[in-house]
Amino acid sequence: MKENRFKKVCDMIELKQLKYFIVCADVGSFSKAAEILYTTQPNVSKAIKVLEDHLGFDLFQRKSRGVLLSTKGKHVYEYACKAIENIEMLSSFSQADHIEPLQISSNPSAWMARIFADFYNHFNIDRLHFQMYSASVEEIIRRVAAYQDELGFVYVMSSQNTAFQYVLSRNHLEFIELKKTQVVLYLGSKHPLFQANEIGEDELKKIKLVQCYEDEFDLNNYWKITNAKGKNIPIFENAVITNSEAVLLQLLQTTDLANISSGYITDQVDEKDLNGIPLYEKENVVMFGYIRRRSEELSDWGNTFIDYIIKNMES
C-alpha cells in the first residue's frame, strides 16, 4: 500500500510545483515568490496547495508577514532541491548530446591558463564545449572522481607522493607525471631581498606567505614537512590565503609577501616581473602532471589536450 501511494504521489507532483515551493521557502513569501517567478500570487498559492494535497501535510506555517517551512516542509525542501538539481543535470545532458565536452581542472597556473587559451585558438571548433576550472589539489581529486572533470592538472611535492598516491587510490584515480621542476620561493617586489639569488635560514624565518588555497598538498606546506636530513625547518606565516591567481600575482608585484611554487614548466618565462629563488633540496622537487580516473579511456579531446601540453613543454 505504501509503495502504491508513493508511486501515485510521484506521478502527480509536477516540476513547476517543486520550483514554486523552493522559491517560496527561500524568500518566505508567496507574493515575493510570484514576482521572482513572473506569475501571480494566486498561481503560487494554488501550486503549493496542490503539492500539499498530494503529500498529505502542510509544507508551510502561514504567518501574517509571510510563510515559514513546517517541520515536514524542511525535509521536503532538502529533497526538492536535490530533485531540481538532478533534473536540470539530466536536461543539460539532453541539450548537450550534440556537443563534445572537454572538462579540465587545474591548480592556479599562469602557464596552464596560457596553454588553455592557445589550445582554444588552435582548435576552435563549434561542437566542442570547453570548461576550465581552477581549484586546489583536494578539490581537483574530488571533481575528477565525481566525473565533473575528465582531467585535473596538479603540482605536488615528491615528498608528499606517498600520501598523495594513497588519496588517489581511495578515489580510484591515478596520477601521470609529465615533468619534475624545482621548488621556488617567489619574493614580492617590496621585499628587501627581492633581487637576491639566494636566501639564508635567518631570512627565511621572517618570510610571510600569500597562498592559493589551503589544503594538505599545497606547495606552501613545503616547510611543514620534515626532510630526509631531519633539518629544523622554519614555519612560515600564511598572511593571505586566496583562490585567485590574479590576487596572488598582484600581491607579489606590490607587497613584501612571498609564495612557494614550482619552477617554470618551460624556458619561456611568463611576464610577471617576479624574482624566483630556487630552494635546493633534492627530496622536495615538484611533480607536475595530471589526475585521471583509473582504468578508463580518455576521450579523443582529452588525449589531444595532453598531447598539446607535452608538445608545448618540449618547445
C-alpha atoms as a PDB file:
ATOM      1  CA  MET A   1       0.000   0.000   0.000  1.00  0.00           C
ATOM      2  CA  LYS A   2       2.793   2.440   0.921  1.00  0.00           C
ATOM      3  CA  GLU A   3       4.615   1.715  -2.348  1.00  0.00           C
ATOM      4  CA  ASN A   4       1.450   2.328  -4.356  1.00  0.00           C
ATOM      5  CA  ARG A   5       0.819   5.616  -2.539  1.00  0.00           C
ATOM      6  CA  PHE A   6       4.459   6.684  -3.079  1.00  0.00           C
ATOM      7  CA  LYS A   7       4.202   5.960  -6.812  1.00  0.00           C
ATOM      8  CA  LYS A   8       0.893   7.791  -7.028  1.00  0.00           C
ATOM      9  CA  VAL A   9       2.322  10.887  -5.303  1.00  0.00           C
ATOM     10  CA  CYS A  10       5.424  10.903  -7.539  1.00  0.00           C
ATOM     11  CA  ASP A  11       3.236  10.647 -10.638  1.00  0.00           C
ATOM     12  CA  MET A  12       1.167  13.649  -9.528  1.00  0.00           C
ATOM     13  CA  ILE A  13       3.968  16.003  -8.440  1.00  0.00           C
ATOM     14  CA  GLU A  14       4.968  18.426 -11.169  1.00  0.00           C
ATOM     15  CA  LEU A  15       8.343  20.095 -11.632  1.00  0.00           C
ATOM     16  CA  LYS A  16       6.679  23.517 -11.519  1.00  0.00           C
ATOM     17  CA  GLN A  17       5.237  22.786  -8.075  1.00  0.00           C
ATOM     18  CA  LEU A  18       8.678  21.925  -6.706  1.00  0.00           C
ATOM     19  CA  LYS A  19      10.201  25.088  -8.182  1.00  0.00           C
ATOM     20  CA  TYR A  20       7.424  27.231  -6.699  1.00  0.00           C
ATOM     21  CA  PHE A  21       7.859  25.509  -3.335  1.00  0.00           C
ATOM     22  CA  ILE A  22      11.647  26.091  -3.273  1.00  0.00           C
ATOM     23  CA  VAL A  23      11.371  29.781  -4.155  1.00  0.00           C
ATOM     24  CA  CYS A  24       8.625  30.327  -1.551  1.00  0.00           C
ATOM     25  CA  ALA A  25      10.788  28.665   1.078  1.00  0.00           C
ATOM     26  CA  ASP A  26      13.827  30.747   0.075  1.00  0.00           C
ATOM     27  CA  VAL A  27      12.077  34.145   0.224  1.00  0.00           C
ATOM     28  CA  GLY A  28       9.464  33.347   2.915  1.00  0.00           C
ATOM     29  CA  SER A  29       6.603  34.898   0.959  1.00  0.00           C
ATOM     30  CA  PHE A  30       4.139  33.798  -1.716  1.00  0.00           C
ATOM     31  CA  SER A  31       3.918  37.331  -3.119  1.00  0.00           C
ATOM     32  CA  LYS A  32       7.714  37.771  -3.398  1.00  0.00           C
ATOM     33  CA  ALA A  33       7.965  34.310  -4.945  1.00  0.00           C
ATOM     34  CA  ALA A  34       5.359  35.322  -7.534  1.00  0.00           C
ATOM     35  CA  GLU A  35       7.478  38.320  -8.539  1.00  0.00           C
ATOM     36  CA  ILE A  36      10.594  36.161  -8.918  1.00  0.00           C
ATOM     37  CA  LEU A  37       8.703  33.505 -10.888  1.00  0.00           C
ATOM     38  CA  TYR A  38       6.960  36.068 -13.131  1.00  0.00           C
ATOM     39  CA  THR A  39       3.490  34.882 -12.145  1.00  0.00           C
ATOM     40  CA  THR A  40       0.710  35.887  -9.736  1.00  0.00           C
ATOM     41  CA  GLN A  41       0.307  35.145  -6.039  1.00  0.00           C
ATOM     42  CA  PRO A  42      -2.914  33.127  -6.623  1.00  0.00           C
ATOM     43  CA  ASN A  43      -0.997  30.862  -9.042  1.00  0.00           C
ATOM     44  CA  VAL A  44       1.755  30.315  -6.471  1.00  0.00           C
ATOM     45  CA  SER A  45      -0.746  29.650  -3.670  1.00  0.00           C
ATOM     46  CA  LYS A  46      -2.621  27.190  -5.858  1.00  0.00           C
ATOM     47  CA  ALA A  47       0.554  25.287  -6.827  1.00  0.00           C
ATOM     48  CA  ILE A  48       1.645  24.992  -3.183  1.00  0.00           C
ATOM     49  CA  LYS A  49      -1.856  23.866  -2.104  1.00  0.00           C
ATOM     50  CA  VAL A  50      -1.928  21.171  -4.782  1.00  0.00           C
ATOM     51  CA  LEU A  51       1.536  19.956  -3.708  1.00  0.00           C
ATOM     52  CA  GLU A  52       0.443  19.856  -0.053  1.00  0.00           C
ATOM     53  CA  ASP A  53      -2.686  17.876  -1.014  1.00  0.00           C
ATOM     54  CA  HIS A  54      -0.553  15.351  -2.904  1.00  0.00           C
ATOM     55  CA  LEU A  55       1.819  14.925   0.065  1.00  0.00           C
ATOM     56  CA  GLY A  56      -0.920  14.923   2.686  1.00  0.00           C
ATOM     57  CA  PHE A  57       0.512  17.590   5.006  1.00  0.00           C
ATOM     58  CA  ASP A  58       1.233  21.311   5.205  1.00  0.00           C
ATOM     59  CA  LEU A  59       4.581  22.483   3.894  1.00  0.00           C
ATOM     60  CA  PHE A  60       4.371  25.965   5.414  1.00  0.00           C
ATOM     61  CA  GLN A  61       3.178  27.732   8.514  1.00  0.00           C
ATOM     62  CA  ARG A  62       1.169  30.698   7.253  1.00  0.00           C
ATOM     63  CA  LYS A  63       2.024  33.905   9.122  1.00  0.00           C
ATOM     64  CA  SER A  64       0.680  37.447   8.767  1.00  0.00           C
ATOM     65  CA  ARG A  65       4.003  38.600   7.282  1.00  0.00           C
ATOM     66  CA  GLY A  66       4.858  35.561   5.189  1.00  0.00           C
ATOM     67  CA  VAL A  67       5.407  31.833   5.442  1.00  0.00           C
ATOM     68  CA  LEU A  68       7.776  29.546   7.321  1.00  0.00           C
ATOM     69  CA  LEU A  69       8.626  25.956   6.497  1.00  0.00           C
ATOM     70  CA  SER A  70       6.886  23.395   8.692  1.00  0.00           C
ATOM     71  CA  THR A  71       8.912  20.588  10.262  1.00  0.00           C
ATOM     72  CA  LYS A  72       7.989  18.207   7.456  1.00  0.00           C
ATOM     73  CA  GLY A  73       8.393  21.023   4.952  1.00  0.00           C
ATOM     74  CA  LYS A  74      12.064  21.359   5.895  1.00  0.00           C
ATOM     75  CA  HIS A  75      12.658  17.719   4.978  1.00  0.00           C
ATOM     76  CA  VAL A  76      10.764  18.096   1.697  1.00  0.00           C
ATOM     77  CA  TYR A  77      12.797  21.222   0.877  1.00  0.00           C
ATOM     78  CA  GLU A  78      16.066  19.290   1.084  1.00  0.00           C
ATOM     79  CA  TYR A  79      14.865  16.571  -1.301  1.00  0.00           C
ATOM     80  CA  ALA A  80      13.123  19.037  -3.621  1.00  0.00           C
ATOM     81  CA  CYS A  81      16.400  20.937  -4.107  1.00  0.00           C
ATOM     82  CA  LYS A  82      18.202  17.702  -4.969  1.00  0.00           C
ATOM     83  CA  ALA A  83      15.415  16.681  -7.349  1.00  0.00           C
ATOM     84  CA  ILE A  84      15.546  20.003  -9.223  1.00  0.00           C
ATOM     85  CA  GLU A  85      19.342  19.839  -9.417  1.00  0.00           C
ATOM     86  CA  ASN A  86      19.263  16.289 -10.805  1.00  0.00           C
ATOM     87  CA  ILE A  87      16.527  17.092 -13.319  1.00  0.00           C
ATOM     88  CA  GLU A  88      18.450  20.136 -14.551  1.00  0.00           C
ATOM     89  CA  MET A  89      21.559  17.986 -14.892  1.00  0.00           C
ATOM     90  CA  LEU A  90      19.632  15.417 -16.947  1.00  0.00           C
ATOM     91  CA  SER A  91      18.260  18.230 -19.075  1.00  0.00           C
ATOM     92  CA  SER A  92      21.776  19.546 -19.723  1.00  0.00           C
ATOM     93  CA  PHE A  93      22.819  16.078 -20.898  1.00  0.00           C
ATOM     94  CA  SER A  94      19.948  16.062 -23.368  1.00  0.00           C
ATOM     95  CA  GLN A  95      20.750  19.540 -24.660  1.00  0.00           C
ATOM     96  CA  ALA A  96      24.424  18.744 -24.997  1.00  0.00           C
ATOM     97  CA  ASP A  97      24.097  15.426 -26.833  1.00  0.00           C
ATOM     98  CA  HIS A  98      25.407  17.095 -29.990  1.00  0.00           C
ATOM     99  CA  ILE A  99      28.301  18.849 -28.220  1.00  0.00           C
ATOM    100  CA  GLU A 100      31.642  17.255 -27.367  1.00  0.00           C
ATOM    101  CA  PRO A 101      32.855  18.400 -23.923  1.00  0.00           C
ATOM    102  CA  LEU A 102      36.410  18.978 -22.731  1.00  0.00           C
ATOM    103  CA  GLN A 103      36.246  19.416 -18.958  1.00  0.00           C
ATOM    104  CA  ILE A 104      39.517  20.183 -17.207  1.00  0.00           C
ATOM    105  CA  SER A 105      40.609  21.478 -13.820  1.00  0.00           C
ATOM    106  CA  SER A 106      43.998  22.783 -12.751  1.00  0.00           C
ATOM    107  CA  ASN A 107      45.880  24.326  -9.873  1.00  0.00           C
ATOM    108  CA  PRO A 108      46.141  28.105 -10.353  1.00  0.00           C
ATOM    109  CA  SER A 109      48.809  28.479 -13.028  1.00  0.00           C
ATOM    110  CA  ALA A 110      49.553  31.294 -15.461  1.00  0.00           C
ATOM    111  CA  TRP A 111      51.293  28.770 -17.720  1.00  0.00           C
ATOM    112  CA  MET A 112      48.260  26.454 -17.821  1.00  0.00           C
ATOM    113  CA  ALA A 113      45.979  29.441 -18.485  1.00  0.00           C
ATOM    114  CA  ARG A 114      48.102  30.444 -21.479  1.00  0.00           C
ATOM    115  CA  ILE A 115      48.225  26.877 -22.804  1.00  0.00           C
ATOM    116  CA  PHE A 116      44.452  26.533 -22.491  1.00  0.00           C
ATOM    117  CA  ALA A 117      43.894  29.810 -24.369  1.00  0.00           C
ATOM    118  CA  ASP A 118      46.325  28.734 -27.110  1.00  0.00           C
ATOM    119  CA  PHE A 119      44.588  25.365 -27.348  1.00  0.00           C
ATOM    120  CA  TYR A 120      41.203  27.060 -27.718  1.00  0.00           C
ATOM    121  CA  ASN A 121      42.517  29.273 -30.512  1.00  0.00           C
ATOM    122  CA  HIS A 122      44.145  26.310 -32.238  1.00  0.00           C
ATOM    123  CA  PHE A 123      41.088  24.001 -32.002  1.00  0.00           C
ATOM    124  CA  ASN A 124      38.212  26.480 -32.135  1.00  0.00           C
ATOM    125  CA  ILE A 125      35.510  24.006 -33.181  1.00  0.00           C
ATOM    126  CA  ASP A 126      31.798  24.828 -32.898  1.00  0.00           C
ATOM    127  CA  ARG A 127      30.828  21.429 -31.499  1.00  0.00           C
ATOM    128  CA  LEU A 128      33.474  21.449 -28.759  1.00  0.00           C
ATOM    129  CA  HIS A 129      32.449  22.828 -25.362  1.00  0.00           C
ATOM    130  CA  PHE A 130      35.421  23.864 -23.189  1.00  0.00           C
ATOM    131  CA  GLN A 131      35.436  24.008 -19.392  1.00  0.00           C
ATOM    132  CA  MET A 132      38.465  25.069 -17.337  1.00  0.00           C
ATOM    133  CA  TYR A 133      38.127  25.076 -13.526  1.00  0.00           C
ATOM    134  CA  SER A 134      40.795  26.389 -11.138  1.00  0.00           C
ATOM    135  CA  ALA A 135      40.996  24.567  -7.795  1.00  0.00           C
ATOM    136  CA  SER A 136      43.159  23.099  -5.056  1.00  0.00           C
ATOM    137  CA  VAL A 137      44.600  19.580  -5.343  1.00  0.00           C
ATOM    138  CA  GLU A 138      41.991  18.187  -2.934  1.00  0.00           C
ATOM    139  CA  GLU A 139      39.142  19.806  -4.876  1.00  0.00           C
ATOM    140  CA  ILE A 140      40.538  18.544  -8.194  1.00  0.00           C
ATOM    141  CA  ILE A 141      40.680  14.999  -6.824  1.00  0.00           C
ATOM    142  CA  ARG A 142      37.034  15.299  -5.771  1.00  0.00           C
ATOM    143  CA  ARG A 143      35.952  16.751  -9.117  1.00  0.00           C
ATOM    144  CA  VAL A 144      37.675  14.101 -11.252  1.00  0.00           C
ATOM    145  CA  ALA A 145      36.386  11.291  -9.031  1.00  0.00           C
ATOM    146  CA  ALA A 146      32.850  12.722  -9.327  1.00  0.00           C
ATOM    147  CA  TYR A 147      33.050  12.890 -13.154  1.00  0.00           C
ATOM    148  CA  GLN A 148      32.869  16.686 -13.108  1.00  0.00           C
ATOM    149  CA  ASP A 149      36.218  16.856 -14.912  1.00  0.00           C
ATOM    150  CA  GLU A 150      37.974  14.406 -17.187  1.00  0.00           C
ATOM    151  CA  LEU A 151      41.476  15.642 -16.341  1.00  0.00           C
ATOM    152  CA  GLY A 152      42.959  17.509 -13.389  1.00  0.00           C
ATOM    153  CA  PHE A 153      46.398  19.099 -13.694  1.00  0.00           C
ATOM    154  CA  VAL A 154      48.268  19.485 -10.398  1.00  0.00           C
ATOM    155  CA  TYR A 155      51.608  20.416  -8.836  1.00  0.00           C
ATOM    156  CA  VAL A 156      52.584  18.131  -5.925  1.00  0.00           C
ATOM    157  CA  MET A 157      55.845  17.822  -3.999  1.00  0.00           C
ATOM    158  CA  SER A 158      57.594  14.472  -4.388  1.00  0.00           C
ATOM    159  CA  SER A 159      57.968  14.306  -0.599  1.00  0.00           C
ATOM    160  CA  GLN A 160      54.158  14.118  -0.397  1.00  0.00           C
ATOM    161  CA  ASN A 161      53.838  11.417  -3.024  1.00  0.00           C
ATOM    162  CA  THR A 162      53.044   8.576  -0.617  1.00  0.00           C
ATOM    163  CA  ALA A 163      50.116  10.411   0.952  1.00  0.00           C
ATOM    164  CA  PHE A 164      49.065  11.711  -2.464  1.00  0.00           C
ATOM    165  CA  GLN A 165      49.002   8.222  -4.002  1.00  0.00           C
ATOM    166  CA  TYR A 166      47.004   6.897  -1.039  1.00  0.00           C
ATOM    167  CA  VAL A 167      44.276   9.520  -1.544  1.00  0.00           C
ATOM    168  CA  LEU A 168      44.220   8.820  -5.277  1.00  0.00           C
ATOM    169  CA  SER A 169      43.871   5.064  -4.792  1.00  0.00           C
ATOM    170  CA  ARG A 170      40.946   5.527  -2.419  1.00  0.00           C
ATOM    171  CA  ASN A 171      39.190   7.512  -5.144  1.00  0.00           C
ATOM    172  CA  HIS A 172      40.103   5.073  -7.961  1.00  0.00           C
ATOM    173  CA  LEU A 173      42.319   7.668  -9.630  1.00  0.00           C
ATOM    174  CA  GLU A 174      45.858   7.740 -10.959  1.00  0.00           C
ATOM    175  CA  PHE A 175      48.490  10.420 -11.475  1.00  0.00           C
ATOM    176  CA  ILE A 176      50.519  10.669 -14.679  1.00  0.00           C
ATOM    177  CA  GLU A 177      53.678  12.699 -14.138  1.00  0.00           C
ATOM    178  CA  LEU A 178      54.731  14.924 -17.023  1.00  0.00           C
ATOM    179  CA  LYS A 179      57.683  16.809 -15.551  1.00  0.00           C
ATOM    180  CA  LYS A 180      59.660  17.497 -12.396  1.00  0.00           C
ATOM    181  CA  THR A 181      60.522  21.085 -11.527  1.00  0.00           C
ATOM    182  CA  GLN A 182      62.439  22.841  -8.755  1.00  0.00           C
ATOM    183  CA  VAL A 183      60.714  24.263  -5.690  1.00  0.00           C
ATOM    184  CA  VAL A 184      60.968  28.057  -5.982  1.00  0.00           C
ATOM    185  CA  LEU A 185      60.405  30.867  -3.474  1.00  0.00           C
ATOM    186  CA  TYR A 186      58.932  33.945  -5.158  1.00  0.00           C
ATOM    187  CA  LEU A 187      59.509  37.154  -3.213  1.00  0.00           C
ATOM    188  CA  GLY A 188      57.269  40.188  -3.520  1.00  0.00           C
ATOM    189  CA  SER A 189      58.659  43.300  -5.199  1.00  0.00           C
ATOM    190  CA  LYS A 190      58.682  45.189  -1.861  1.00  0.00           C
ATOM    191  CA  HIS A 191      60.693  42.514  -0.070  1.00  0.00           C
ATOM    192  CA  PRO A 192      64.234  43.703   0.804  1.00  0.00           C
ATOM    193  CA  LEU A 193      65.695  40.552  -0.816  1.00  0.00           C
ATOM    194  CA  PHE A 194      63.626  40.843  -3.986  1.00  0.00           C
ATOM    195  CA  GLN A 195      66.731  40.965  -6.227  1.00  0.00           C
ATOM    196  CA  ALA A 196      68.625  38.250  -4.309  1.00  0.00           C
ATOM    197  CA  ASN A 197      69.782  34.989  -5.914  1.00  0.00           C
ATOM    198  CA  GLU A 198      69.705  33.019  -2.662  1.00  0.00           C
ATOM    199  CA  ILE A 199      68.294  33.320   0.829  1.00  0.00           C
ATOM    200  CA  GLY A 200      69.616  32.182   4.207  1.00  0.00           C
ATOM    201  CA  GLU A 201      67.781  30.445   7.048  1.00  0.00           C
ATOM    202  CA  ASP A 202      67.618  33.589   9.185  1.00  0.00           C
ATOM    203  CA  GLU A 203      65.871  35.470   6.381  1.00  0.00           C
ATOM    204  CA  LEU A 204      63.584  32.510   5.692  1.00  0.00           C
ATOM    205  CA  LYS A 205      62.208  32.683   9.234  1.00  0.00           C
ATOM    206  CA  LYS A 206      60.929  36.209   8.560  1.00  0.00           C
ATOM    207  CA  ILE A 207      59.012  35.288   5.396  1.00  0.00           C
ATOM    208  CA  LYS A 208      55.237  35.834   5.215  1.00  0.00           C
ATOM    209  CA  LEU A 209      53.318  33.939   2.535  1.00  0.00           C
ATOM    210  CA  VAL A 210      50.429  34.563   0.196  1.00  0.00           C
ATOM    211  CA  GLN A 211      48.950  31.205  -0.677  1.00  0.00           C
ATOM    212  CA  CYS A 212      46.450  29.914  -3.244  1.00  0.00           C
ATOM    213  CA  TYR A 213      44.050  27.627  -1.386  1.00  0.00           C
ATOM    214  CA  GLU A 214      44.793  25.775   1.811  1.00  0.00           C
ATOM    215  CA  ASP A 215      44.922  22.006   1.626  1.00  0.00           C
ATOM    216  CA  GLU A 216      47.187  19.100   2.505  1.00  0.00           C
ATOM    217  CA  PHE A 217      49.034  19.161  -0.823  1.00  0.00           C
ATOM    218  CA  ASP A 218      49.513  22.904  -1.256  1.00  0.00           C
ATOM    219  CA  LEU A 219      53.124  23.707  -2.149  1.00  0.00           C
ATOM    220  CA  ASN A 220      53.289  26.208   0.697  1.00  0.00           C
ATOM    221  CA  ASN A 221      53.334  23.176   3.000  1.00  0.00           C
ATOM    222  CA  TYR A 222      56.919  22.643   1.808  1.00  0.00           C
ATOM    223  CA  TRP A 223      58.266  23.868   5.124  1.00  0.00           C
ATOM    224  CA  LYS A 224      55.833  21.844   7.229  1.00  0.00           C
ATOM    225  CA  ILE A 225      57.310  18.541   6.105  1.00  0.00           C
ATOM    226  CA  THR A 226      60.462  17.286   7.784  1.00  0.00           C
ATOM    227  CA  ASN A 227      63.002  16.422   5.135  1.00  0.00           C
ATOM    228  CA  ALA A 228      65.173  13.327   4.969  1.00  0.00           C
ATOM    229  CA  LYS A 229      68.015  15.060   6.830  1.00  0.00           C
ATOM    230  CA  GLY A 230      65.800  15.948   9.797  1.00  0.00           C
ATOM    231  CA  LYS A 231      66.583  19.613   9.228  1.00  0.00           C
ATOM    232  CA  ASN A 232      64.972  22.153  11.527  1.00  0.00           C
ATOM    233  CA  ILE A 233      62.594  23.752   9.044  1.00  0.00           C
ATOM    234  CA  PRO A 234      61.115  27.186   9.782  1.00  0.00           C
ATOM    235  CA  ILE A 235      57.341  27.514   9.733  1.00  0.00           C
ATOM    236  CA  PHE A 236      56.121  30.436   7.665  1.00  0.00           C
ATOM    237  CA  GLU A 237      53.151  32.607   8.475  1.00  0.00           C
ATOM    238  CA  ASN A 238      50.306  32.462   5.957  1.00  0.00           C
ATOM    239  CA  ALA A 239      49.416  36.143   5.810  1.00  0.00           C
ATOM    240  CA  VAL A 240      46.938  35.819   2.923  1.00  0.00           C
ATOM    241  CA  ILE A 241      45.004  32.847   1.539  1.00  0.00           C
ATOM    242  CA  THR A 242      43.230  33.321  -1.786  1.00  0.00           C
ATOM    243  CA  ASN A 243      41.788  31.183  -4.574  1.00  0.00           C
ATOM    244  CA  SER A 244      42.642  33.856  -7.144  1.00  0.00           C
ATOM    245  CA  GLU A 245      45.797  33.712  -9.251  1.00  0.00           C
ATOM    246  CA  ALA A 246      45.224  37.390 -10.101  1.00  0.00           C
ATOM    247  CA  VAL A 247      45.169  38.377  -6.414  1.00  0.00           C
ATOM    248  CA  LEU A 248      48.301  36.318  -5.732  1.00  0.00           C
ATOM    249  CA  LEU A 249      50.212  37.970  -8.588  1.00  0.00           C
ATOM    250  CA  GLN A 250      49.031  41.439  -7.591  1.00  0.00           C
ATOM    251  CA  LEU A 251      50.281  40.915  -4.039  1.00  0.00           C
ATOM    252  CA  LEU A 252      53.640  39.600  -5.238  1.00  0.00           C
ATOM    253  CA  GLN A 253      54.028  42.582  -7.552  1.00  0.00           C
ATOM    254  CA  THR A 254      53.113  45.209  -4.927  1.00  0.00           C
ATOM    255  CA  THR A 255      53.949  43.863  -1.421  1.00  0.00           C
ATOM    256  CA  ASP A 256      56.688  42.116   0.569  1.00  0.00           C
ATOM    257  CA  LEU A 257      54.801  38.797   0.714  1.00  0.00           C
ATOM    258  CA  ALA A 258      56.217  35.594  -0.778  1.00  0.00           C
ATOM    259  CA  ASN A 259      54.875  32.436  -2.388  1.00  0.00           C
ATOM    260  CA  ILE A 260      56.302  28.951  -2.713  1.00  0.00           C
ATOM    261  CA  SER A 261      55.607  27.429  -6.114  1.00  0.00           C
ATOM    262  CA  SER A 262      57.098  25.279  -8.821  1.00  0.00           C
ATOM    263  CA  GLY A 263      59.762  26.303 -11.284  1.00  0.00           C
ATOM    264  CA  TYR A 264      58.693  27.183 -14.800  1.00  0.00           C
ATOM    265  CA  ILE A 265      57.453  24.301 -16.944  1.00  0.00           C
ATOM    266  CA  THR A 266      59.307  25.672 -19.964  1.00  0.00           C
ATOM    267  CA  ASP A 267      62.120  28.147 -20.575  1.00  0.00           C
ATOM    268  CA  GLN A 268      59.540  30.674 -21.755  1.00  0.00           C
ATOM    269  CA  VAL A 269      59.160  32.685 -18.555  1.00  0.00           C
ATOM    270  CA  ASP A 270      55.809  34.388 -18.065  1.00  0.00           C
ATOM    271  CA  GLU A 271      55.883  38.174 -17.948  1.00  0.00           C
ATOM    272  CA  LYS A 272      55.341  38.538 -14.214  1.00  0.00           C
ATOM    273  CA  ASP A 273      58.434  40.556 -13.216  1.00  0.00           C
ATOM    274  CA  LEU A 274      58.898  38.166 -10.300  1.00  0.00           C
ATOM    275  CA  ASN A 275      62.140  37.005  -8.755  1.00  0.00           C
ATOM    276  CA  GLY A 276      62.249  33.292  -8.003  1.00  0.00           C
ATOM    277  CA  ILE A 277      64.878  31.818  -5.668  1.00  0.00           C
ATOM    278  CA  PRO A 278      65.329  28.039  -6.147  1.00  0.00           C
ATOM    279  CA  LEU A 279      65.215  26.024  -2.924  1.00  0.00           C
ATOM    280  CA  TYR A 280      67.775  23.299  -3.480  1.00  0.00           C
ATOM    281  CA  GLU A 281      66.635  20.163  -1.689  1.00  0.00           C
ATOM    282  CA  LYS A 282      66.606  17.072  -3.877  1.00  0.00           C
ATOM    283  CA  GLU A 283      63.908  15.314  -1.863  1.00  0.00           C
ATOM    284  CA  ASN A 284      61.439  18.143  -2.411  1.00  0.00           C
ATOM    285  CA  VAL A 285      61.132  18.605  -6.159  1.00  0.00           C
ATOM    286  CA  VAL A 286      57.701  19.406  -7.598  1.00  0.00           C
ATOM    287  CA  MET A 287      55.881  16.869  -9.756  1.00  0.00           C
ATOM    288  CA  PHE A 288      53.680  18.322 -12.494  1.00  0.00           C
ATOM    289  CA  GLY A 289      51.150  16.078 -14.191  1.00  0.00           C
ATOM    290  CA  TYR A 290      47.500  15.150 -14.452  1.00  0.00           C
ATOM    291  CA  ILE A 291      44.944  13.133 -12.495  1.00  0.00           C
ATOM    292  CA  ARG A 292      42.583  10.818 -14.342  1.00  0.00           C
ATOM    293  CA  ARG A 293      40.132   8.058 -13.482  1.00  0.00           C
ATOM    294  CA  ARG A 294      41.940   4.728 -13.319  1.00  0.00           C
ATOM    295  CA  SER A 295      41.254   2.086 -16.000  1.00  0.00           C
ATOM    296  CA  GLU A 296      39.103   4.437 -18.106  1.00  0.00           C
ATOM    297  CA  GLU A 297      39.855   5.504 -21.653  1.00  0.00           C
ATOM    298  CA  LEU A 298      40.270   9.228 -22.175  1.00  0.00           C
ATOM    299  CA  SER A 299      38.170  10.997 -24.768  1.00  0.00           C
ATOM    300  CA  ASP A 300      39.762  11.937 -28.087  1.00  0.00           C
ATOM    301  CA  TRP A 301      39.821  15.579 -27.000  1.00  0.00           C
ATOM    302  CA  GLY A 302      41.342  14.635 -23.641  1.00  0.00           C
ATOM    303  CA  ASN A 303      44.190  12.861 -25.418  1.00  0.00           C
ATOM    304  CA  THR A 304      44.541  15.775 -27.831  1.00  0.00           C
ATOM    305  CA  PHE A 305      44.877  18.251 -24.973  1.00  0.00           C
ATOM    306  CA  ILE A 306      47.525  16.140 -23.219  1.00  0.00           C
ATOM    307  CA  ASP A 307      49.469  15.836 -26.495  1.00  0.00           C
ATOM    308  CA  TYR A 308      49.240  19.634 -26.850  1.00  0.00           C
ATOM    309  CA  ILE A 309      50.568  20.090 -23.282  1.00  0.00           C
ATOM    310  CA  ILE A 310      53.506  17.757 -23.940  1.00  0.00           C
ATOM    311  CA  LYS A 311      54.319  19.463 -27.240  1.00  0.00           C
ATOM    312  CA  ASN A 312      54.403  22.869 -25.541  1.00  0.00           C
ATOM    313  CA  MET A 313      56.569  21.544 -22.709  1.00  0.00           C
ATOM    314  CA  GLU A 314      59.157  20.480 -25.262  1.00  0.00           C
ATOM    315  CA  SER A 315      59.131  23.768 -27.176  1.00  0.00           C
END
